[in-house]
Amino acid sequence: MMACCIRKFPFKIVALGRQRWALSFMVVVRLQIIFREAIGCFFLENKIVMKTYVAKPGEFEQKWHVVDAQGQVLGRLASEIATVLRGKNKPIYTPHVDTGDYVVVVNAADIRLTGNKLKDKIYYHYTGYAGGIKAITAAELLEKNPTELINTAVKGMLPKNKLGRKMLQKLKIYAGPEHSHKAQQPVSKKL
């Protein structure tokens, strides 16, 4: 009796004749193919490699979430929103596909900033003209347009490309407690 190994799959040759060796070799190769198909993996240089799931557009469901920003810290809330928008909280996350959900933020006017950021943090905007740089503090922006405060914070935490701009379109922000997305049946999410 003689033992052989093909790709770490042991089998025994009963007789040393060529016909029997060829027959048992074919049986082992066929068993390897059946085994690979059954467990969904293949052998590569004596290592088992599993297939990675890659999400494709249209294969997954995008849900709607409502987030209450009342009393929440701006940066902490923005990072959680960015995670949901990108889809990194899902097991099907794929970096080059928009797998994230829609997020509706209510009570944006009641957002909180820590420390002296209300008066010290400055947001700049360039008009496009020479000398046309505009500056506004966080406190002024919170009074003038509270939705822009959250939008800017989340935008900075998303990818800076077409995919990031597409993800940002799924963010809906409202200064008050009412929103116009009741038809989508959003689920309340605690962040």
N, C-alpha and C. Protein backbone atom coordinates (compact mmCIF):
# COMPACT_ATOMS: atom_id res chain seq x y z
N MET A 1 0.84 -1.17 0.00
CA MET A 1 0.00 0.00 0.00
C MET A 1 0.89 1.24 0.00
N MET A 2 0.48 2.22 -0.78
CA MET A 2 1.27 3.43 -0.93
C MET A 2 0.33 4.64 -0.78
N ALA A 3 0.71 5.62 0.02
CA ALA A 3 -0.13 6.79 0.23
C ALA A 3 0.37 7.96 -0.61
N CYS A 4 -0.55 8.70 -1.20
CA CYS A 4 -0.21 9.88 -1.99
C CYS A 4 -1.02 11.07 -1.49
N CYS A 5 -0.64 12.23 -1.95
CA CYS A 5 -1.37 13.43 -1.55
C CYS A 5 -1.41 14.40 -2.72
N ILE A 6 -2.62 14.77 -3.12
CA ILE A 6 -2.78 15.78 -4.16
C ILE A 6 -3.51 16.95 -3.53
N ARG A 7 -2.84 18.09 -3.46
CA ARG A 7 -3.40 19.29 -2.82
C ARG A 7 -3.90 18.98 -1.41
N LYS A 8 -3.11 18.30 -0.68
CA LYS A 8 -3.43 17.95 0.72
C LYS A 8 -4.68 17.09 0.84
N PHE A 9 -5.03 16.33 -0.19
CA PHE A 9 -6.20 15.44 -0.14
C PHE A 9 -5.67 14.01 -0.20
N PRO A 10 -5.57 13.31 0.91
CA PRO A 10 -4.92 12.00 0.92
C PRO A 10 -5.79 10.89 0.31
N PHE A 11 -5.14 9.99 -0.41
CA PHE A 11 -5.80 8.79 -0.89
C PHE A 11 -4.75 7.68 -0.99
N LYS A 12 -5.20 6.43 -1.11
CA LYS A 12 -4.27 5.30 -1.14
C LYS A 12 -4.37 4.56 -2.46
N ILE A 13 -3.23 4.14 -2.95
CA ILE A 13 -3.19 3.33 -4.17
C ILE A 13 -3.18 1.87 -3.73
N VAL A 14 -4.17 1.13 -4.19
CA VAL A 14 -4.29 -0.26 -3.77
C VAL A 14 -3.28 -1.12 -4.50
N ALA A 15 -3.14 -0.91 -5.78
CA ALA A 15 -2.15 -1.66 -6.56
C ALA A 15 -1.26 -0.67 -7.29
N LEU A 16 -0.09 -1.14 -7.67
CA LEU A 16 0.85 -0.25 -8.32
C LEU A 16 0.63 -0.16 -9.83
N GLY A 17 -0.39 -0.81 -10.35
CA GLY A 17 -0.66 -0.75 -11.79
C GLY A 17 -1.10 0.63 -12.22
N ARG A 18 -0.78 0.97 -13.46
CA ARG A 18 -1.08 2.32 -13.96
C ARG A 18 -2.59 2.57 -14.08
N GLN A 19 -3.33 1.58 -14.48
CA GLN A 19 -4.76 1.78 -14.66
C GLN A 19 -5.45 2.08 -13.33
N ARG A 20 -5.08 1.34 -12.31
CA ARG A 20 -5.70 1.57 -11.00
C ARG A 20 -5.29 2.93 -10.44
N TRP A 21 -4.06 3.35 -10.64
CA TRP A 21 -3.60 4.65 -10.15
C TRP A 21 -4.37 5.77 -10.85
N ALA A 22 -4.52 5.67 -12.14
CA ALA A 22 -5.24 6.70 -12.91
C ALA A 22 -6.70 6.75 -12.47
N LEU A 23 -7.31 5.60 -12.23
CA LEU A 23 -8.70 5.56 -11.81
C LEU A 23 -8.88 6.20 -10.44
N SER A 24 -8.00 5.86 -9.48
CA SER A 24 -8.15 6.43 -8.16
C SER A 24 -7.83 7.93 -8.18
N PHE A 25 -6.91 8.37 -9.05
CA PHE A 25 -6.60 9.79 -9.18
C PHE A 25 -7.83 10.55 -9.69
N MET A 26 -8.54 10.00 -10.68
CA MET A 26 -9.73 10.64 -11.22
C MET A 26 -10.83 10.71 -10.17
N VAL A 27 -10.97 9.68 -9.37
CA VAL A 27 -11.97 9.66 -8.31
C VAL A 27 -11.68 10.76 -7.29
N VAL A 28 -10.41 10.91 -6.92
CA VAL A 28 -10.03 11.92 -5.94
C VAL A 28 -10.25 13.32 -6.49
N VAL A 29 -9.90 13.57 -7.73
CA VAL A 29 -10.12 14.89 -8.33
C VAL A 29 -11.61 15.20 -8.36
N ARG A 30 -12.42 14.19 -8.72
CA ARG A 30 -13.88 14.41 -8.74
C ARG A 30 -14.40 14.69 -7.33
N LEU A 31 -13.89 13.99 -6.32
CA LEU A 31 -14.30 14.23 -4.94
C LEU A 31 -13.92 15.64 -4.50
N GLN A 32 -12.74 16.13 -4.95
CA GLN A 32 -12.32 17.49 -4.61
C GLN A 32 -13.31 18.50 -5.19
N ILE A 33 -13.73 18.30 -6.42
CA ILE A 33 -14.65 19.23 -7.07
C ILE A 33 -15.99 19.24 -6.33
N ILE A 34 -16.51 18.07 -5.98
CA ILE A 34 -17.78 17.98 -5.25
C ILE A 34 -17.64 18.66 -3.88
N PHE A 35 -16.52 18.42 -3.20
CA PHE A 35 -16.28 19.00 -1.88
C PHE A 35 -16.23 20.52 -1.97
N ARG A 36 -15.55 21.06 -2.97
CA ARG A 36 -15.46 22.51 -3.15
C ARG A 36 -16.83 23.13 -3.38
N GLU A 37 -17.63 22.50 -4.24
CA GLU A 37 -18.96 23.03 -4.53
C GLU A 37 -19.86 22.97 -3.31
N ALA A 38 -19.69 21.94 -2.49
CA ALA A 38 -20.57 21.76 -1.32
C ALA A 38 -20.32 22.83 -0.27
N ILE A 39 -19.07 23.17 0.00
CA ILE A 39 -18.81 24.15 1.06
C ILE A 39 -18.57 25.55 0.53
N GLY A 40 -18.56 25.74 -0.78
CA GLY A 40 -18.45 27.07 -1.36
C GLY A 40 -17.08 27.68 -1.23
N CYS A 41 -16.03 26.90 -1.28
CA CYS A 41 -14.69 27.45 -1.23
C CYS A 41 -13.80 26.69 -2.20
N PHE A 42 -12.58 27.17 -2.39
CA PHE A 42 -11.65 26.49 -3.29
C PHE A 42 -10.26 26.49 -2.65
N PHE A 43 -9.41 25.58 -3.13
CA PHE A 43 -8.08 25.45 -2.58
C PHE A 43 -7.10 26.28 -3.41
N LEU A 44 -6.22 27.01 -2.74
CA LEU A 44 -5.22 27.82 -3.41
C LEU A 44 -3.93 27.68 -2.63
N GLU A 45 -2.97 26.96 -3.20
CA GLU A 45 -1.67 26.74 -2.57
C GLU A 45 -1.82 26.25 -1.13
N ASN A 46 -2.56 25.19 -0.96
CA ASN A 46 -2.75 24.53 0.33
C ASN A 46 -3.48 25.38 1.36
N LYS A 47 -4.21 26.42 0.92
CA LYS A 47 -5.00 27.24 1.83
C LYS A 47 -6.44 27.23 1.36
N ILE A 48 -7.36 27.20 2.29
CA ILE A 48 -8.77 27.30 1.93
C ILE A 48 -9.13 28.78 1.88
N VAL A 49 -9.68 29.23 0.77
CA VAL A 49 -10.04 30.62 0.58
C VAL A 49 -11.55 30.70 0.41
N MET A 50 -12.20 31.49 1.26
CA MET A 50 -13.65 31.64 1.18
C MET A 50 -13.99 32.77 0.21
N LYS A 51 -15.15 32.70 -0.42
CA LYS A 51 -15.58 33.75 -1.33
C LYS A 51 -16.11 34.94 -0.54
N THR A 52 -15.73 36.14 -0.92
CA THR A 52 -16.17 37.35 -0.26
C THR A 52 -17.45 37.86 -0.91
N TYR A 53 -18.42 38.21 -0.08
CA TYR A 53 -19.67 38.75 -0.61
C TYR A 53 -19.46 40.21 -1.00
N VAL A 54 -19.86 40.56 -2.19
CA VAL A 54 -19.78 41.94 -2.67
C VAL A 54 -21.19 42.38 -3.02
N ALA A 55 -21.67 43.41 -2.33
CA ALA A 55 -23.02 43.91 -2.57
C ALA A 55 -23.09 44.62 -3.92
N LYS A 56 -24.19 44.41 -4.62
CA LYS A 56 -24.42 45.07 -5.89
C LYS A 56 -25.67 45.94 -5.77
N PRO A 57 -25.72 47.06 -6.50
CA PRO A 57 -26.90 47.92 -6.39
C PRO A 57 -28.19 47.17 -6.72
N GLY A 58 -29.19 47.32 -5.86
CA GLY A 58 -30.47 46.66 -6.07
C GLY A 58 -30.62 45.35 -5.33
N GLU A 59 -29.54 44.83 -4.73
CA GLU A 59 -29.61 43.55 -4.02
C GLU A 59 -29.99 43.70 -2.55
N PHE A 60 -30.01 44.92 -2.04
CA PHE A 60 -30.24 45.13 -0.62
C PHE A 60 -31.30 46.20 -0.43
N GLU A 61 -31.85 46.25 0.77
CA GLU A 61 -32.92 47.19 1.08
C GLU A 61 -32.35 48.37 1.87
N GLN A 62 -32.74 49.58 1.47
CA GLN A 62 -32.32 50.77 2.19
C GLN A 62 -33.49 51.26 3.04
N LYS A 63 -33.29 51.31 4.34
CA LYS A 63 -34.34 51.69 5.27
C LYS A 63 -34.26 53.18 5.59
N TRP A 64 -35.27 53.68 6.27
CA TRP A 64 -35.34 55.07 6.71
C TRP A 64 -35.27 55.11 8.22
N HIS A 65 -34.45 56.02 8.77
CA HIS A 65 -34.30 56.19 10.21
C HIS A 65 -34.57 57.64 10.58
N VAL A 66 -35.21 57.85 11.75
CA VAL A 66 -35.43 59.19 12.30
C VAL A 66 -34.54 59.33 13.53
N VAL A 67 -33.76 60.41 13.57
CA VAL A 67 -32.86 60.67 14.68
C VAL A 67 -33.25 61.99 15.32
N ASP A 68 -33.41 61.97 16.64
CA ASP A 68 -33.74 63.20 17.37
C ASP A 68 -32.43 63.82 17.86
N ALA A 69 -32.13 65.04 17.41
CA ALA A 69 -30.87 65.70 17.73
C ALA A 69 -30.96 66.56 19.00
N GLN A 70 -32.07 66.54 19.68
CA GLN A 70 -32.26 67.40 20.86
C GLN A 70 -31.29 67.00 21.97
N GLY A 71 -30.42 67.95 22.36
CA GLY A 71 -29.46 67.72 23.43
C GLY A 71 -28.26 66.87 23.04
N GLN A 72 -28.14 66.48 21.80
CA GLN A 72 -27.01 65.65 21.35
C GLN A 72 -25.81 66.54 21.02
N VAL A 73 -24.61 66.00 21.22
CA VAL A 73 -23.38 66.71 20.87
C VAL A 73 -23.17 66.58 19.36
N LEU A 74 -22.83 67.67 18.71
CA LEU A 74 -22.76 67.74 17.25
C LEU A 74 -21.83 66.69 16.64
N GLY A 75 -20.59 66.63 17.07
CA GLY A 75 -19.62 65.72 16.46
C GLY A 75 -19.95 64.25 16.66
N ARG A 76 -20.41 63.91 17.85
CA ARG A 76 -20.76 62.51 18.14
C ARG A 76 -21.97 62.07 17.32
N LEU A 77 -22.95 62.96 17.21
CA LEU A 77 -24.13 62.65 16.41
C LEU A 77 -23.76 62.53 14.93
N ALA A 78 -22.91 63.44 14.45
CA ALA A 78 -22.53 63.44 13.03
C ALA A 78 -21.77 62.17 12.66
N SER A 79 -20.92 61.67 13.54
CA SER A 79 -20.17 60.45 13.22
C SER A 79 -21.10 59.24 13.15
N GLU A 80 -22.10 59.18 14.03
CA GLU A 80 -23.06 58.07 13.98
C GLU A 80 -23.93 58.16 12.71
N ILE A 81 -24.33 59.37 12.35
CA ILE A 81 -25.12 59.55 11.13
C ILE A 81 -24.31 59.14 9.91
N ALA A 82 -23.03 59.53 9.87
CA ALA A 82 -22.17 59.18 8.74
C ALA A 82 -21.99 57.66 8.62
N THR A 83 -21.92 56.98 9.75
CA THR A 83 -21.80 55.51 9.74
C THR A 83 -23.04 54.87 9.13
N VAL A 84 -24.22 55.37 9.48
CA VAL A 84 -25.47 54.82 8.94
C VAL A 84 -25.60 55.16 7.46
N LEU A 85 -25.22 56.38 7.07
CA LEU A 85 -25.30 56.78 5.65
C LEU A 85 -24.38 55.94 4.77
N ARG A 86 -23.21 55.60 5.27
CA ARG A 86 -22.25 54.77 4.51
C ARG A 86 -22.63 53.30 4.51
N GLY A 87 -23.37 52.86 5.54
CA GLY A 87 -23.75 51.45 5.63
C GLY A 87 -22.73 50.61 6.36
N LYS A 88 -21.84 51.25 7.12
CA LYS A 88 -20.80 50.52 7.83
C LYS A 88 -21.34 49.75 9.03
N ASN A 89 -22.59 49.99 9.39
CA ASN A 89 -23.21 49.25 10.49
C ASN A 89 -23.87 47.96 10.00
N LYS A 90 -23.75 47.67 8.71
CA LYS A 90 -24.37 46.47 8.13
C LYS A 90 -23.30 45.44 7.78
N PRO A 91 -23.63 44.15 7.85
CA PRO A 91 -22.65 43.14 7.46
C PRO A 91 -22.39 43.09 5.95
N ILE A 92 -23.25 43.70 5.15
CA ILE A 92 -23.08 43.68 3.70
C ILE A 92 -22.29 44.88 3.19
N TYR A 93 -21.65 45.64 4.08
CA TYR A 93 -20.93 46.85 3.68
C TYR A 93 -19.92 46.55 2.59
N THR A 94 -20.00 47.34 1.54
CA THR A 94 -19.05 47.27 0.43
C THR A 94 -18.58 48.69 0.17
N PRO A 95 -17.26 48.94 0.18
CA PRO A 95 -16.77 50.32 0.10
C PRO A 95 -17.18 51.08 -1.16
N HIS A 96 -17.29 50.41 -2.29
CA HIS A 96 -17.56 51.13 -3.54
C HIS A 96 -19.04 51.15 -3.93
N VAL A 97 -19.92 50.65 -3.03
CA VAL A 97 -21.36 50.64 -3.30
C VAL A 97 -22.06 51.37 -2.16
N ASP A 98 -23.08 52.14 -2.49
CA ASP A 98 -23.84 52.87 -1.49
C ASP A 98 -24.83 51.92 -0.81
N THR A 99 -24.40 51.30 0.29
CA THR A 99 -25.22 50.33 1.01
C THR A 99 -25.93 50.95 2.21
N GLY A 100 -25.78 52.25 2.41
CA GLY A 100 -26.32 52.91 3.59
C GLY A 100 -27.81 53.17 3.53
N ASP A 101 -28.35 53.62 4.66
CA ASP A 101 -29.77 53.91 4.80
C ASP A 101 -30.01 55.42 4.75
N TYR A 102 -31.28 55.78 4.66
CA TYR A 102 -31.68 57.18 4.70
C TYR A 102 -31.79 57.61 6.17
N VAL A 103 -31.42 58.85 6.45
CA VAL A 103 -31.49 59.36 7.82
C VAL A 103 -32.23 60.70 7.81
N VAL A 104 -33.24 60.80 8.68
CA VAL A 104 -34.00 62.05 8.86
C VAL A 104 -33.65 62.56 10.26
N VAL A 105 -33.10 63.77 10.32
CA VAL A 105 -32.72 64.37 11.60
C VAL A 105 -33.75 65.45 11.95
N VAL A 106 -34.34 65.34 13.14
CA VAL A 106 -35.30 66.35 13.61
C VAL A 106 -34.71 67.08 14.82
N ASN A 107 -35.26 68.25 15.12
CA ASN A 107 -34.80 69.10 16.24
C ASN A 107 -33.33 69.51 16.08
N ALA A 108 -32.94 69.86 14.88
CA ALA A 108 -31.56 70.27 14.62
C ALA A 108 -31.22 71.58 15.33
N ALA A 109 -32.21 72.39 15.62
CA ALA A 109 -31.96 73.67 16.31
C ALA A 109 -31.54 73.47 17.76
N ASP A 110 -31.80 72.29 18.32
CA ASP A 110 -31.47 72.02 19.72
C ASP A 110 -30.17 71.22 19.88
N ILE A 111 -29.31 71.27 18.87
CA ILE A 111 -28.03 70.54 18.93
C ILE A 111 -27.12 71.24 19.95
N ARG A 112 -26.17 70.51 20.50
CA ARG A 112 -25.29 71.05 21.53
C ARG A 112 -23.84 70.96 21.08
N LEU A 113 -23.06 71.99 21.39
CA LEU A 113 -21.62 71.98 21.15
C LEU A 113 -20.91 72.09 22.50
N THR A 114 -19.83 71.39 22.69
CA THR A 114 -19.13 71.38 23.97
C THR A 114 -18.08 72.49 24.02
N GLY A 115 -17.68 72.84 25.22
CA GLY A 115 -16.63 73.84 25.41
C GLY A 115 -17.07 75.21 24.92
N ASN A 116 -16.13 75.95 24.35
CA ASN A 116 -16.40 77.31 23.85
C ASN A 116 -16.62 77.32 22.35
N LYS A 117 -17.01 76.18 21.78
CA LYS A 117 -17.12 76.09 20.33
C LYS A 117 -18.20 76.99 19.75
N LEU A 118 -19.24 77.29 20.50
CA LEU A 118 -20.30 78.15 19.97
C LEU A 118 -19.76 79.51 19.54
N LYS A 119 -18.84 80.07 20.31
CA LYS A 119 -18.30 81.38 19.94
C LYS A 119 -16.94 81.30 19.25
N ASP A 120 -16.19 80.22 19.47
CA ASP A 120 -14.83 80.12 18.91
C ASP A 120 -14.78 79.45 17.54
N LYS A 121 -15.67 78.50 17.29
CA LYS A 121 -15.64 77.76 16.01
C LYS A 121 -16.15 78.65 14.89
N ILE A 122 -15.37 78.77 13.83
CA ILE A 122 -15.72 79.65 12.71
C ILE A 122 -15.85 78.82 11.44
N TYR A 123 -16.94 79.03 10.72
CA TYR A 123 -17.18 78.39 9.43
C TYR A 123 -16.90 79.41 8.34
N TYR A 124 -16.07 79.01 7.36
CA TYR A 124 -15.70 79.90 6.27
C TYR A 124 -16.43 79.50 5.00
N HIS A 125 -16.75 80.51 4.19
CA HIS A 125 -17.40 80.29 2.90
C HIS A 125 -16.80 81.26 1.89
N TYR A 126 -16.39 80.76 0.74
CA TYR A 126 -15.80 81.61 -0.29
C TYR A 126 -16.82 81.83 -1.39
N THR A 127 -17.09 83.10 -1.71
CA THR A 127 -18.12 83.44 -2.69
C THR A 127 -17.67 83.20 -4.12
N GLY A 128 -16.37 83.18 -4.36
CA GLY A 128 -15.85 83.03 -5.71
C GLY A 128 -15.27 84.31 -6.26
N TYR A 129 -15.51 85.42 -5.59
CA TYR A 129 -14.95 86.70 -6.00
C TYR A 129 -13.69 87.01 -5.20
N ALA A 130 -12.86 87.89 -5.74
CA ALA A 130 -11.64 88.29 -5.04
C ALA A 130 -12.01 88.96 -3.72
N GLY A 131 -11.41 88.52 -2.65
CA GLY A 131 -11.70 89.06 -1.32
C GLY A 131 -13.06 88.66 -0.78
N GLY A 132 -13.66 87.65 -1.38
CA GLY A 132 -15.02 87.27 -1.02
C GLY A 132 -15.11 86.14 -0.02
N ILE A 133 -14.19 86.07 0.93
CA ILE A 133 -14.28 85.02 1.94
C ILE A 133 -15.19 85.50 3.07
N LYS A 134 -16.15 84.69 3.44
CA LYS A 134 -17.12 85.04 4.48
C LYS A 134 -16.87 84.13 5.68
N ALA A 135 -17.02 84.67 6.87
CA ALA A 135 -16.84 83.90 8.10
C ALA A 135 -18.07 84.08 8.98
N ILE A 136 -18.45 82.97 9.64
CA ILE A 136 -19.60 83.00 10.55
C ILE A 136 -19.29 82.05 11.71
N THR A 137 -19.63 82.48 12.92
CA THR A 137 -19.38 81.61 14.08
C THR A 137 -20.47 80.55 14.17
N ALA A 138 -20.20 79.53 14.97
CA ALA A 138 -21.16 78.43 15.13
C ALA A 138 -22.46 78.92 15.77
N ALA A 139 -22.38 79.87 16.68
CA ALA A 139 -23.59 80.39 17.34
C ALA A 139 -24.47 81.13 16.33
N GLU A 140 -23.84 81.94 15.46
CA GLU A 140 -24.60 82.67 14.44
C GLU A 140 -25.22 81.71 13.44
N LEU A 141 -24.46 80.68 13.04
CA LEU A 141 -24.96 79.70 12.09
C LEU A 141 -26.10 78.88 12.69
N LEU A 142 -26.01 78.59 13.98
CA LEU A 142 -27.07 77.83 14.66
C LEU A 142 -28.37 78.62 14.68
N GLU A 143 -28.28 79.93 14.84
CA GLU A 143 -29.49 80.76 14.82
C GLU A 143 -30.01 80.96 13.40
N LYS A 144 -29.08 81.19 12.46
CA LYS A 144 -29.47 81.50 11.08
C LYS A 144 -29.97 80.26 10.33
N ASN A 145 -29.19 79.16 10.39
CA ASN A 145 -29.53 77.95 9.63
C ASN A 145 -29.00 76.72 10.38
N PRO A 146 -29.74 76.18 11.34
CA PRO A 146 -29.23 75.06 12.14
C PRO A 146 -29.02 73.78 11.34
N THR A 147 -29.74 73.64 10.23
CA THR A 147 -29.56 72.42 9.44
C THR A 147 -28.18 72.38 8.78
N GLU A 148 -27.65 73.56 8.45
CA GLU A 148 -26.33 73.63 7.79
C GLU A 148 -25.22 73.18 8.73
N LEU A 149 -25.40 73.37 10.00
CA LEU A 149 -24.40 72.98 11.00
C LEU A 149 -24.20 71.46 10.99
N ILE A 150 -25.30 70.71 11.01
CA ILE A 150 -25.22 69.24 10.99
C ILE A 150 -24.78 68.76 9.61
N ASN A 151 -25.28 69.39 8.56
CA ASN A 151 -24.92 68.99 7.20
C ASN A 151 -23.41 69.11 6.96
N THR A 152 -22.81 70.21 7.42
CA THR A 152 -21.37 70.43 7.26
C THR A 152 -20.57 69.40 8.05
N ALA A 153 -21.01 69.10 9.25
CA ALA A 153 -20.29 68.13 10.09
C ALA A 153 -20.33 66.73 9.48
N VAL A 154 -21.50 66.33 8.97
CA VAL A 154 -21.62 64.99 8.37
C VAL A 154 -20.86 64.93 7.05
N LYS A 155 -20.92 66.00 6.27
CA LYS A 155 -20.23 66.04 4.97
C LYS A 155 -18.73 65.82 5.13
N GLY A 156 -18.16 66.35 6.20
CA GLY A 156 -16.73 66.17 6.45
C GLY A 156 -16.35 64.76 6.83
N MET A 157 -17.34 63.93 7.20
CA MET A 157 -17.07 62.56 7.61
C MET A 157 -17.39 61.53 6.53
N LEU A 158 -17.79 61.98 5.36
CA LEU A 158 -18.10 61.09 4.24
C LEU A 158 -16.99 61.15 3.20
N PRO A 159 -16.91 60.18 2.30
CA PRO A 159 -15.88 60.22 1.26
C PRO A 159 -16.02 61.46 0.38
N LYS A 160 -14.88 61.97 -0.07
CA LYS A 160 -14.88 63.18 -0.90
C LYS A 160 -14.87 62.80 -2.38
N ASN A 161 -15.95 62.20 -2.84
CA ASN A 161 -16.07 61.80 -4.25
C ASN A 161 -17.55 61.71 -4.62
N LYS A 162 -17.85 61.16 -5.80
CA LYS A 162 -19.24 61.05 -6.26
C LYS A 162 -20.09 60.23 -5.30
N LEU A 163 -19.50 59.17 -4.77
CA LEU A 163 -20.24 58.30 -3.86
C LEU A 163 -20.60 59.04 -2.57
N GLY A 164 -19.67 59.85 -2.06
CA GLY A 164 -19.93 60.63 -0.86
C GLY A 164 -21.04 61.65 -1.07
N ARG A 165 -21.05 62.28 -2.25
CA ARG A 165 -22.11 63.25 -2.55
C ARG A 165 -23.47 62.56 -2.68
N LYS A 166 -23.45 61.34 -3.22
CA LYS A 166 -24.69 60.56 -3.32
C LYS A 166 -25.20 60.16 -1.94
N MET A 167 -24.29 59.81 -1.04
CA MET A 167 -24.66 59.45 0.33
C MET A 167 -25.24 60.64 1.07
N LEU A 168 -24.68 61.83 0.85
CA LEU A 168 -25.14 63.02 1.54
C LEU A 168 -26.56 63.40 1.13
N GLN A 169 -26.96 63.02 -0.07
CA GLN A 169 -28.33 63.30 -0.52
C GLN A 169 -29.37 62.49 0.25
N LYS A 170 -28.93 61.43 0.93
CA LYS A 170 -29.86 60.62 1.72
C LYS A 170 -30.08 61.17 3.12
N LEU A 171 -29.43 62.29 3.44
CA LEU A 171 -29.58 62.93 4.74
C LEU A 171 -30.60 64.05 4.64
N LYS A 172 -31.65 63.98 5.44
CA LYS A 172 -32.71 64.99 5.47
C LYS A 172 -32.72 65.61 6.87
N ILE A 173 -32.53 66.93 6.95
CA ILE A 173 -32.41 67.61 8.24
C ILE A 173 -33.52 68.64 8.39
N TYR A 174 -34.16 68.65 9.58
CA TYR A 174 -35.23 69.60 9.89
C TYR A 174 -34.95 70.26 11.22
N ALA A 175 -35.15 71.58 11.28
CA ALA A 175 -34.86 72.34 12.50
C ALA A 175 -35.85 72.01 13.61
N GLY A 176 -37.09 71.72 13.26
CA GLY A 176 -38.13 71.44 14.25
C GLY A 176 -38.41 69.96 14.40
N PRO A 177 -39.46 69.62 15.17
CA PRO A 177 -39.78 68.21 15.41
C PRO A 177 -40.56 67.54 14.28
N GLU A 178 -41.09 68.31 13.33
CA GLU A 178 -41.89 67.75 12.24
C GLU A 178 -41.04 67.51 11.00
N HIS A 179 -41.37 66.43 10.27
CA HIS A 179 -40.70 66.15 8.99
C HIS A 179 -41.74 65.65 8.00
N SER A 180 -41.38 65.67 6.72
CA SER A 180 -42.34 65.32 5.66
C SER A 180 -42.06 63.95 5.05
N HIS A 181 -41.54 63.01 5.84
CA HIS A 181 -41.20 61.69 5.31
C HIS A 181 -41.97 60.58 6.02
N LYS A 182 -43.20 60.86 6.40
CA LYS A 182 -44.02 59.86 7.09
C LYS A 182 -44.40 58.71 6.15
N ALA A 183 -44.48 58.99 4.85
CA ALA A 183 -44.88 57.96 3.88
C ALA A 183 -43.83 56.86 3.77
N GLN A 184 -42.58 57.16 4.08
CA GLN A 184 -41.51 56.16 4.02
C GLN A 184 -41.47 55.27 5.25
N GLN A 185 -42.31 55.55 6.23
CA GLN A 185 -42.40 54.81 7.50
C GLN A 185 -41.02 54.65 8.15
N PRO A 186 -40.40 55.79 8.53
CA PRO A 186 -39.07 55.71 9.14
C PRO A 186 -39.13 55.14 10.55
N VAL A 187 -38.05 54.46 10.93
CA VAL A 187 -37.93 53.85 12.25
C VAL A 187 -37.13 54.80 13.13
N SER A 188 -37.60 55.02 14.35
CA SER A 188 -36.87 55.89 15.28
C SER A 188 -35.58 55.19 15.72
N LYS A 189 -34.46 55.90 15.61
CA LYS A 189 -33.16 55.32 15.92
C LYS A 189 -32.50 56.15 17.02
N LYS A 190 -32.05 55.46 18.06
CA LYS A 190 -31.37 56.11 19.18
C LYS A 190 -29.87 56.04 18.93
N LEU A 191 -29.24 57.20 18.84
CA LEU A 191 -27.78 57.23 18.60
C LEU A 191 -27.05 57.70 19.83
